[in-house]
C-alpha cells in the first residue's frame, strides 16, 4: 500500500511540474512580453476612471526582459522587480485570459497580448487595466 502511495505521489509531482512555466520550458508569454512598452491609458477603479498621459501629465513605459519588469515614469525608474510568467488553470479576475506574470511579492498581473498591444490587468476587484503599445 505504501509503495502505491509513493508511486501516485511521484506521478502527481511529475504532472504538476510539467504544467507550469519556468526557465526550462517555453511559454508563449515569454517572448511576446519582452521589450519596451509605452503606456496608452489605464481604466478602472471604483469610479471607472480613465487615466491617460495627457490627463495625468506623465509618461510611463515598461521595459520587460525574460525575468525583470521595470516601470518608468517620466523616464525615471520607479519600480523594478523579478517576475515569473505563468498560466492559470482557471480564468483570472476581470478577464478571460489565463496568462499572468507574478512578482516575488506574490502579486499577479493578468497579461493579454494582441500583436503590439499589451493589457495588464490587476488581480483585485475594482482595480485597473493598463494598456500599452510596443515601441
N, C-alpha and C. Protein backbone atom coordinates (compact mmCIF):
# COMPACT_ATOMS: atom_id res chain seq x y z
N UNK A 1 0.83 -1.20 0.00
CA UNK A 1 0.00 0.00 0.00
C UNK A 1 0.87 1.26 0.00
N UNK A 2 1.94 1.23 0.81
CA UNK A 2 2.81 2.39 0.89
C UNK A 2 3.50 2.65 -0.44
N UNK A 3 3.90 1.59 -1.15
CA UNK A 3 4.57 1.78 -2.45
C UNK A 3 3.62 2.37 -3.48
N UNK A 4 2.34 2.04 -3.40
CA UNK A 4 1.35 2.62 -4.31
C UNK A 4 1.20 4.11 -4.04
N UNK A 5 1.16 4.49 -2.75
CA UNK A 5 1.05 5.90 -2.39
C UNK A 5 2.27 6.68 -2.87
N UNK A 6 3.45 6.11 -2.71
CA UNK A 6 4.67 6.77 -3.16
C UNK A 6 4.65 6.94 -4.68
N UNK A 7 4.22 5.90 -5.38
CA UNK A 7 4.14 5.97 -6.85
C UNK A 7 3.15 7.04 -7.30
N UNK A 8 1.98 7.09 -6.65
CA UNK A 8 0.99 8.10 -7.00
C UNK A 8 1.51 9.51 -6.72
N UNK A 9 2.22 9.66 -5.61
CA UNK A 9 2.80 10.95 -5.25
C UNK A 9 3.83 11.37 -6.30
N UNK A 10 4.68 10.45 -6.72
CA UNK A 10 5.69 10.75 -7.73
C UNK A 10 5.05 11.13 -9.06
N UNK A 11 4.00 10.43 -9.45
CA UNK A 11 3.29 10.76 -10.69
C UNK A 11 2.66 12.15 -10.59
N UNK A 12 2.06 12.45 -9.45
CA UNK A 12 1.44 13.77 -9.25
C UNK A 12 2.49 14.88 -9.38
N UNK A 13 3.66 14.67 -8.80
CA UNK A 13 4.72 15.68 -8.88
C UNK A 13 5.13 15.88 -10.34
N UNK A 14 5.29 14.81 -11.08
CA UNK A 14 5.66 14.93 -12.49
C UNK A 14 4.60 15.66 -13.30
N UNK A 15 3.35 15.35 -13.06
CA UNK A 15 2.26 16.00 -13.79
C UNK A 15 2.23 17.49 -13.48
N UNK A 16 2.25 17.85 -12.20
CA UNK A 16 2.16 19.25 -11.82
C UNK A 16 3.39 20.04 -12.24
N UNK A 17 4.56 19.44 -12.20
CA UNK A 17 5.75 20.17 -12.61
C UNK A 17 5.76 20.43 -14.10
N UNK A 18 5.08 19.62 -14.88
CA UNK A 18 5.04 19.84 -16.32
C UNK A 18 4.00 20.88 -16.72
N UNK A 19 3.10 21.27 -15.82
CA UNK A 19 2.05 22.22 -16.16
C UNK A 19 2.50 23.67 -16.11
N UNK A 20 3.44 24.01 -15.25
CA UNK A 20 3.83 25.39 -15.05
C UNK A 20 4.86 25.88 -16.04
N UNK A 21 5.02 27.21 -16.10
CA UNK A 21 6.05 27.80 -16.93
C UNK A 21 7.28 28.00 -16.08
N UNK A 22 8.43 27.80 -16.66
CA UNK A 22 9.67 28.08 -15.96
C UNK A 22 10.76 28.34 -16.98
N UNK A 23 11.96 28.60 -16.52
CA UNK A 23 13.08 28.93 -17.39
C UNK A 23 13.41 27.81 -18.37
N UNK A 24 13.13 26.58 -17.99
CA UNK A 24 13.50 25.45 -18.83
C UNK A 24 12.41 25.04 -19.81
N UNK A 25 11.28 25.73 -19.78
CA UNK A 25 10.16 25.36 -20.64
C UNK A 25 9.67 26.58 -21.39
N UNK A 26 9.41 26.43 -22.66
CA UNK A 26 8.90 27.53 -23.46
C UNK A 26 7.49 27.87 -23.03
N UNK A 27 7.23 29.15 -22.82
CA UNK A 27 5.89 29.65 -22.52
C UNK A 27 5.59 30.74 -23.54
N UNK A 28 4.43 30.73 -24.10
CA UNK A 28 4.12 31.67 -25.17
C UNK A 28 4.25 33.12 -24.72
N UNK A 29 4.04 33.39 -23.44
CA UNK A 29 4.11 34.76 -22.94
C UNK A 29 5.55 35.27 -22.90
N UNK A 30 6.53 34.38 -22.72
CA UNK A 30 7.92 34.79 -22.54
C UNK A 30 8.41 35.74 -23.62
N UNK A 31 8.41 35.28 -24.85
CA UNK A 31 8.94 36.10 -25.94
C UNK A 31 8.03 37.27 -26.27
N UNK A 32 6.74 37.09 -26.17
CA UNK A 32 5.80 38.14 -26.54
C UNK A 32 5.87 39.35 -25.62
N UNK A 33 6.09 39.13 -24.35
CA UNK A 33 6.03 40.24 -23.39
C UNK A 33 7.35 41.01 -23.30
N UNK A 34 8.42 40.42 -23.77
CA UNK A 34 9.71 41.10 -23.68
C UNK A 34 9.77 42.29 -24.62
N UNK A 35 10.38 43.38 -24.12
CA UNK A 35 10.55 44.56 -24.94
C UNK A 35 10.20 45.83 -24.19
N UNK A 36 10.08 46.91 -24.95
CA UNK A 36 9.73 48.21 -24.38
C UNK A 36 8.29 48.54 -24.76
N UNK A 37 7.51 48.93 -23.75
CA UNK A 37 6.09 49.20 -23.92
C UNK A 37 5.78 50.63 -23.47
N UNK A 38 5.01 51.34 -24.26
CA UNK A 38 4.63 52.73 -23.97
C UNK A 38 3.18 52.74 -23.51
N UNK A 39 2.94 53.43 -22.40
CA UNK A 39 1.61 53.50 -21.78
C UNK A 39 0.65 54.32 -22.64
N UNK A 40 -0.54 53.76 -22.86
CA UNK A 40 -1.61 54.45 -23.59
C UNK A 40 -2.67 54.99 -22.65
N UNK A 41 -3.12 54.13 -21.72
CA UNK A 41 -4.15 54.54 -20.76
C UNK A 41 -4.31 53.46 -19.70
N UNK A 42 -4.97 53.85 -18.60
CA UNK A 42 -5.39 52.91 -17.55
C UNK A 42 -6.85 53.18 -17.28
N UNK A 43 -7.62 52.11 -17.12
CA UNK A 43 -9.06 52.23 -16.91
C UNK A 43 -9.43 51.38 -15.71
N UNK A 44 -10.24 51.95 -14.79
CA UNK A 44 -10.71 51.15 -13.67
C UNK A 44 -10.91 51.96 -12.41
N UNK A 45 -10.75 51.27 -11.30
CA UNK A 45 -11.03 51.87 -10.01
C UNK A 45 -12.51 51.84 -9.73
N UNK A 46 -12.87 52.17 -8.53
CA UNK A 46 -14.28 52.11 -8.12
C UNK A 46 -15.14 53.07 -8.94
N UNK A 47 -14.52 54.16 -9.45
CA UNK A 47 -15.27 55.12 -10.25
C UNK A 47 -15.17 54.89 -11.75
N UNK A 48 -14.46 53.86 -12.16
CA UNK A 48 -14.31 53.58 -13.58
C UNK A 48 -13.54 54.66 -14.32
N UNK A 49 -12.52 55.21 -13.68
CA UNK A 49 -11.76 56.31 -14.25
C UNK A 49 -10.93 55.86 -15.45
N UNK A 50 -10.66 56.82 -16.33
CA UNK A 50 -9.73 56.62 -17.44
C UNK A 50 -8.58 57.61 -17.25
N UNK A 51 -7.38 57.07 -17.11
CA UNK A 51 -6.19 57.88 -16.94
C UNK A 51 -5.35 57.77 -18.21
N UNK A 52 -4.86 58.90 -18.69
CA UNK A 52 -4.03 58.91 -19.90
C UNK A 52 -2.78 59.74 -19.63
N UNK A 53 -1.79 59.65 -20.51
CA UNK A 53 -0.62 60.52 -20.35
C UNK A 53 -1.02 62.00 -20.32
N UNK A 54 -2.01 62.36 -21.12
CA UNK A 54 -2.45 63.76 -21.16
C UNK A 54 -3.18 64.16 -19.87
N UNK A 55 -4.08 63.32 -19.39
CA UNK A 55 -4.85 63.68 -18.19
C UNK A 55 -3.99 63.70 -16.94
N UNK A 56 -2.95 62.88 -16.91
CA UNK A 56 -2.09 62.79 -15.73
C UNK A 56 -0.80 63.60 -15.87
N UNK A 57 -0.56 64.11 -17.07
CA UNK A 57 0.64 64.89 -17.37
C UNK A 57 1.93 64.12 -17.05
N UNK A 58 1.93 62.83 -17.38
CA UNK A 58 3.12 62.00 -17.19
C UNK A 58 3.26 61.03 -18.37
N UNK A 59 4.46 60.50 -18.49
CA UNK A 59 4.68 59.39 -19.42
C UNK A 59 5.04 58.17 -18.60
N UNK A 60 4.67 57.02 -19.10
CA UNK A 60 5.03 55.75 -18.47
C UNK A 60 5.53 54.82 -19.55
N UNK A 61 6.48 54.00 -19.17
CA UNK A 61 6.91 52.94 -20.07
C UNK A 61 7.37 51.75 -19.24
N UNK A 62 7.29 50.60 -19.85
CA UNK A 62 7.78 49.37 -19.25
C UNK A 62 8.92 48.84 -20.10
N UNK A 63 9.93 48.32 -19.44
CA UNK A 63 10.96 47.56 -20.12
C UNK A 63 10.98 46.20 -19.45
N UNK A 64 10.64 45.18 -20.23
CA UNK A 64 10.49 43.83 -19.69
C UNK A 64 11.49 42.91 -20.38
N UNK A 65 12.31 42.25 -19.57
CA UNK A 65 13.23 41.24 -20.09
C UNK A 65 12.65 39.87 -19.76
N UNK A 66 13.46 38.84 -19.86
CA UNK A 66 12.92 37.50 -19.62
C UNK A 66 12.49 37.27 -18.18
N UNK A 67 12.99 38.06 -17.22
CA UNK A 67 12.57 37.88 -15.83
C UNK A 67 12.58 39.16 -15.00
N UNK A 68 12.78 40.31 -15.63
CA UNK A 68 12.79 41.58 -14.89
C UNK A 68 11.78 42.54 -15.51
N UNK A 69 10.96 43.14 -14.64
CA UNK A 69 9.92 44.10 -15.01
C UNK A 69 10.36 45.45 -14.47
N UNK A 70 10.55 46.42 -15.37
CA UNK A 70 10.93 47.77 -14.96
C UNK A 70 9.87 48.75 -15.44
N UNK A 71 9.44 49.63 -14.51
CA UNK A 71 8.45 50.65 -14.86
C UNK A 71 9.08 52.02 -14.66
N UNK A 72 8.92 52.86 -15.67
CA UNK A 72 9.46 54.22 -15.64
C UNK A 72 8.32 55.22 -15.72
N UNK A 73 8.43 56.29 -14.93
CA UNK A 73 7.51 57.42 -15.01
C UNK A 73 8.36 58.63 -15.34
N UNK A 74 8.01 59.31 -16.42
CA UNK A 74 8.80 60.44 -16.91
C UNK A 74 10.28 60.08 -17.01
N UNK A 75 10.55 58.91 -17.53
CA UNK A 75 11.91 58.39 -17.76
C UNK A 75 12.71 58.11 -16.49
N UNK A 76 12.05 58.12 -15.33
CA UNK A 76 12.72 57.75 -14.07
C UNK A 76 12.23 56.38 -13.63
N UNK A 77 13.17 55.51 -13.29
CA UNK A 77 12.81 54.17 -12.83
C UNK A 77 12.09 54.26 -11.49
N UNK A 78 10.86 53.74 -11.42
CA UNK A 78 10.09 53.79 -10.18
C UNK A 78 9.79 52.40 -9.63
N UNK A 79 10.00 51.36 -10.43
CA UNK A 79 9.62 50.02 -10.00
C UNK A 79 10.48 49.02 -10.76
N UNK A 80 11.14 48.14 -10.03
CA UNK A 80 11.92 47.08 -10.66
C UNK A 80 11.76 45.82 -9.82
N UNK A 81 11.25 44.77 -10.45
CA UNK A 81 11.01 43.51 -9.73
C UNK A 81 11.28 42.34 -10.65
N UNK A 82 11.71 41.24 -10.06
CA UNK A 82 11.79 39.98 -10.79
C UNK A 82 10.38 39.41 -10.89
N UNK A 83 10.13 38.66 -11.95
CA UNK A 83 8.84 38.02 -12.12
C UNK A 83 9.02 36.67 -12.79
N UNK A 84 7.98 35.87 -12.70
CA UNK A 84 7.91 34.63 -13.47
C UNK A 84 6.57 34.62 -14.20
N UNK A 85 6.57 34.14 -15.44
CA UNK A 85 5.31 34.02 -16.16
C UNK A 85 4.58 32.76 -15.74
N UNK A 86 3.29 32.75 -15.90
CA UNK A 86 2.52 31.57 -15.56
C UNK A 86 1.25 31.47 -16.38
N UNK A 87 0.66 30.30 -16.31
CA UNK A 87 -0.62 30.05 -16.96
C UNK A 87 -1.53 29.43 -15.92
N UNK A 88 -2.63 30.12 -15.62
CA UNK A 88 -3.59 29.65 -14.62
C UNK A 88 -4.51 28.60 -15.23
N UNK A 89 -4.90 27.63 -14.42
CA UNK A 89 -5.85 26.65 -14.95
C UNK A 89 -7.26 27.23 -15.03
N UNK A 90 -7.51 28.30 -14.28
CA UNK A 90 -8.81 28.99 -14.31
C UNK A 90 -8.63 30.40 -14.84
N UNK A 91 -9.74 31.00 -15.28
CA UNK A 91 -9.69 32.39 -15.70
C UNK A 91 -9.28 33.27 -14.52
N UNK A 92 -8.60 34.36 -14.83
CA UNK A 92 -8.17 35.29 -13.80
C UNK A 92 -9.24 36.36 -13.61
N UNK A 93 -9.10 37.18 -12.57
CA UNK A 93 -10.09 38.20 -12.24
C UNK A 93 -10.20 39.23 -13.35
N UNK A 94 -11.44 39.55 -13.73
CA UNK A 94 -11.77 40.63 -14.65
C UNK A 94 -11.21 40.44 -16.07
N UNK A 95 -11.04 39.18 -16.47
CA UNK A 95 -10.54 38.91 -17.82
C UNK A 95 -10.86 37.47 -18.22
N UNK A 96 -10.76 37.20 -19.49
CA UNK A 96 -10.96 35.83 -19.95
C UNK A 96 -9.63 35.12 -20.20
N UNK A 97 -8.52 35.79 -19.93
CA UNK A 97 -7.21 35.18 -20.17
C UNK A 97 -6.73 34.40 -18.95
N UNK A 98 -5.76 33.55 -19.19
CA UNK A 98 -5.19 32.73 -18.12
C UNK A 98 -3.70 32.99 -17.92
N UNK A 99 -3.10 33.80 -18.79
CA UNK A 99 -1.66 34.08 -18.66
C UNK A 99 -1.44 35.22 -17.68
N UNK A 100 -0.33 35.15 -16.97
CA UNK A 100 -0.03 36.18 -15.98
C UNK A 100 1.47 36.27 -15.76
N UNK A 101 1.87 37.36 -15.11
CA UNK A 101 3.21 37.45 -14.54
C UNK A 101 3.03 37.59 -13.04
N UNK A 102 3.92 36.96 -12.30
CA UNK A 102 3.84 37.00 -10.84
C UNK A 102 5.16 37.50 -10.29
N UNK A 103 5.07 38.52 -9.43
CA UNK A 103 6.25 39.12 -8.82
C UNK A 103 6.65 38.36 -7.56
N UNK A 104 7.84 38.64 -7.07
CA UNK A 104 8.35 37.98 -5.86
C UNK A 104 7.42 38.17 -4.68
N UNK A 105 6.71 39.29 -4.64
CA UNK A 105 5.79 39.60 -3.54
C UNK A 105 4.53 38.74 -3.58
N UNK A 106 4.31 38.04 -4.69
CA UNK A 106 3.10 37.25 -4.86
C UNK A 106 2.05 37.93 -5.72
N UNK A 107 2.21 39.23 -5.93
CA UNK A 107 1.26 39.99 -6.76
C UNK A 107 1.26 39.45 -8.19
N UNK A 108 0.06 39.33 -8.75
CA UNK A 108 -0.08 38.86 -10.13
C UNK A 108 -0.72 39.94 -10.98
N UNK A 109 -0.28 39.99 -12.23
CA UNK A 109 -0.94 40.80 -13.24
C UNK A 109 -1.31 39.88 -14.39
N UNK A 110 -2.59 39.81 -14.70
CA UNK A 110 -3.00 39.05 -15.88
C UNK A 110 -2.45 39.76 -17.10
N UNK A 111 -2.05 39.00 -18.10
CA UNK A 111 -1.44 39.58 -19.29
C UNK A 111 -2.21 39.15 -20.53
N UNK A 112 -2.55 40.14 -21.33
CA UNK A 112 -3.24 39.87 -22.60
C UNK A 112 -2.44 40.59 -23.69
N UNK A 113 -1.89 39.82 -24.61
CA UNK A 113 -1.07 40.38 -25.68
C UNK A 113 -1.75 40.09 -27.02
N UNK A 114 -1.94 41.16 -27.78
CA UNK A 114 -2.54 41.04 -29.11
C UNK A 114 -1.68 41.84 -30.07
N UNK A 115 -0.79 41.16 -30.78
CA UNK A 115 0.12 41.85 -31.69
C UNK A 115 1.05 42.76 -30.92
N UNK A 116 0.95 44.07 -31.18
CA UNK A 116 1.81 45.03 -30.49
C UNK A 116 1.10 45.71 -29.33
N UNK A 117 -0.02 45.16 -28.89
CA UNK A 117 -0.77 45.72 -27.76
C UNK A 117 -0.67 44.81 -26.55
N UNK A 118 -0.45 45.42 -25.39
CA UNK A 118 -0.35 44.71 -24.12
C UNK A 118 -1.39 45.27 -23.16
N UNK A 119 -2.11 44.37 -22.51
CA UNK A 119 -3.06 44.75 -21.47
C UNK A 119 -2.62 44.05 -20.19
N UNK A 120 -2.39 44.82 -19.13
CA UNK A 120 -2.05 44.27 -17.82
C UNK A 120 -3.25 44.50 -16.91
N UNK A 121 -3.76 43.43 -16.31
CA UNK A 121 -4.97 43.51 -15.51
C UNK A 121 -4.62 43.19 -14.06
N UNK A 122 -4.80 44.18 -13.18
CA UNK A 122 -4.56 43.95 -11.75
C UNK A 122 -5.55 42.91 -11.25
N UNK A 123 -5.11 42.09 -10.34
CA UNK A 123 -5.93 40.97 -9.87
C UNK A 123 -6.62 41.29 -8.55
N UNK A 124 -7.57 42.21 -8.62
CA UNK A 124 -8.41 42.54 -7.47
C UNK A 124 -9.70 43.17 -8.01
N UNK A 125 -10.68 43.28 -7.16
CA UNK A 125 -11.96 43.88 -7.55
C UNK A 125 -11.79 45.39 -7.61
N UNK A 126 -12.40 46.04 -8.60
CA UNK A 126 -12.32 47.49 -8.80
C UNK A 126 -10.89 47.98 -8.99
N UNK A 127 -10.07 47.19 -9.60
CA UNK A 127 -8.70 47.61 -9.88
C UNK A 127 -8.59 48.10 -11.32
N UNK A 128 -7.39 48.32 -11.76
CA UNK A 128 -7.16 48.92 -13.07
C UNK A 128 -6.69 47.91 -14.11
N UNK A 129 -7.02 48.24 -15.35
CA UNK A 129 -6.45 47.59 -16.53
C UNK A 129 -5.55 48.64 -17.16
N UNK A 130 -4.33 48.25 -17.48
CA UNK A 130 -3.35 49.17 -18.05
C UNK A 130 -3.07 48.75 -19.49
N UNK A 131 -3.10 49.71 -20.39
CA UNK A 131 -2.93 49.44 -21.82
C UNK A 131 -1.63 50.05 -22.32
N UNK A 132 -0.86 49.25 -23.05
CA UNK A 132 0.44 49.67 -23.58
C UNK A 132 0.54 49.26 -25.05
N UNK A 133 1.43 49.93 -25.76
CA UNK A 133 1.77 49.52 -27.11
C UNK A 133 3.28 49.33 -27.19
N UNK A 134 3.70 48.39 -28.01
CA UNK A 134 5.12 48.07 -28.10
C UNK A 134 5.83 49.15 -28.91
N UNK A 135 6.98 49.57 -28.39
CA UNK A 135 7.76 50.62 -29.06
C UNK A 135 8.60 50.01 -30.16
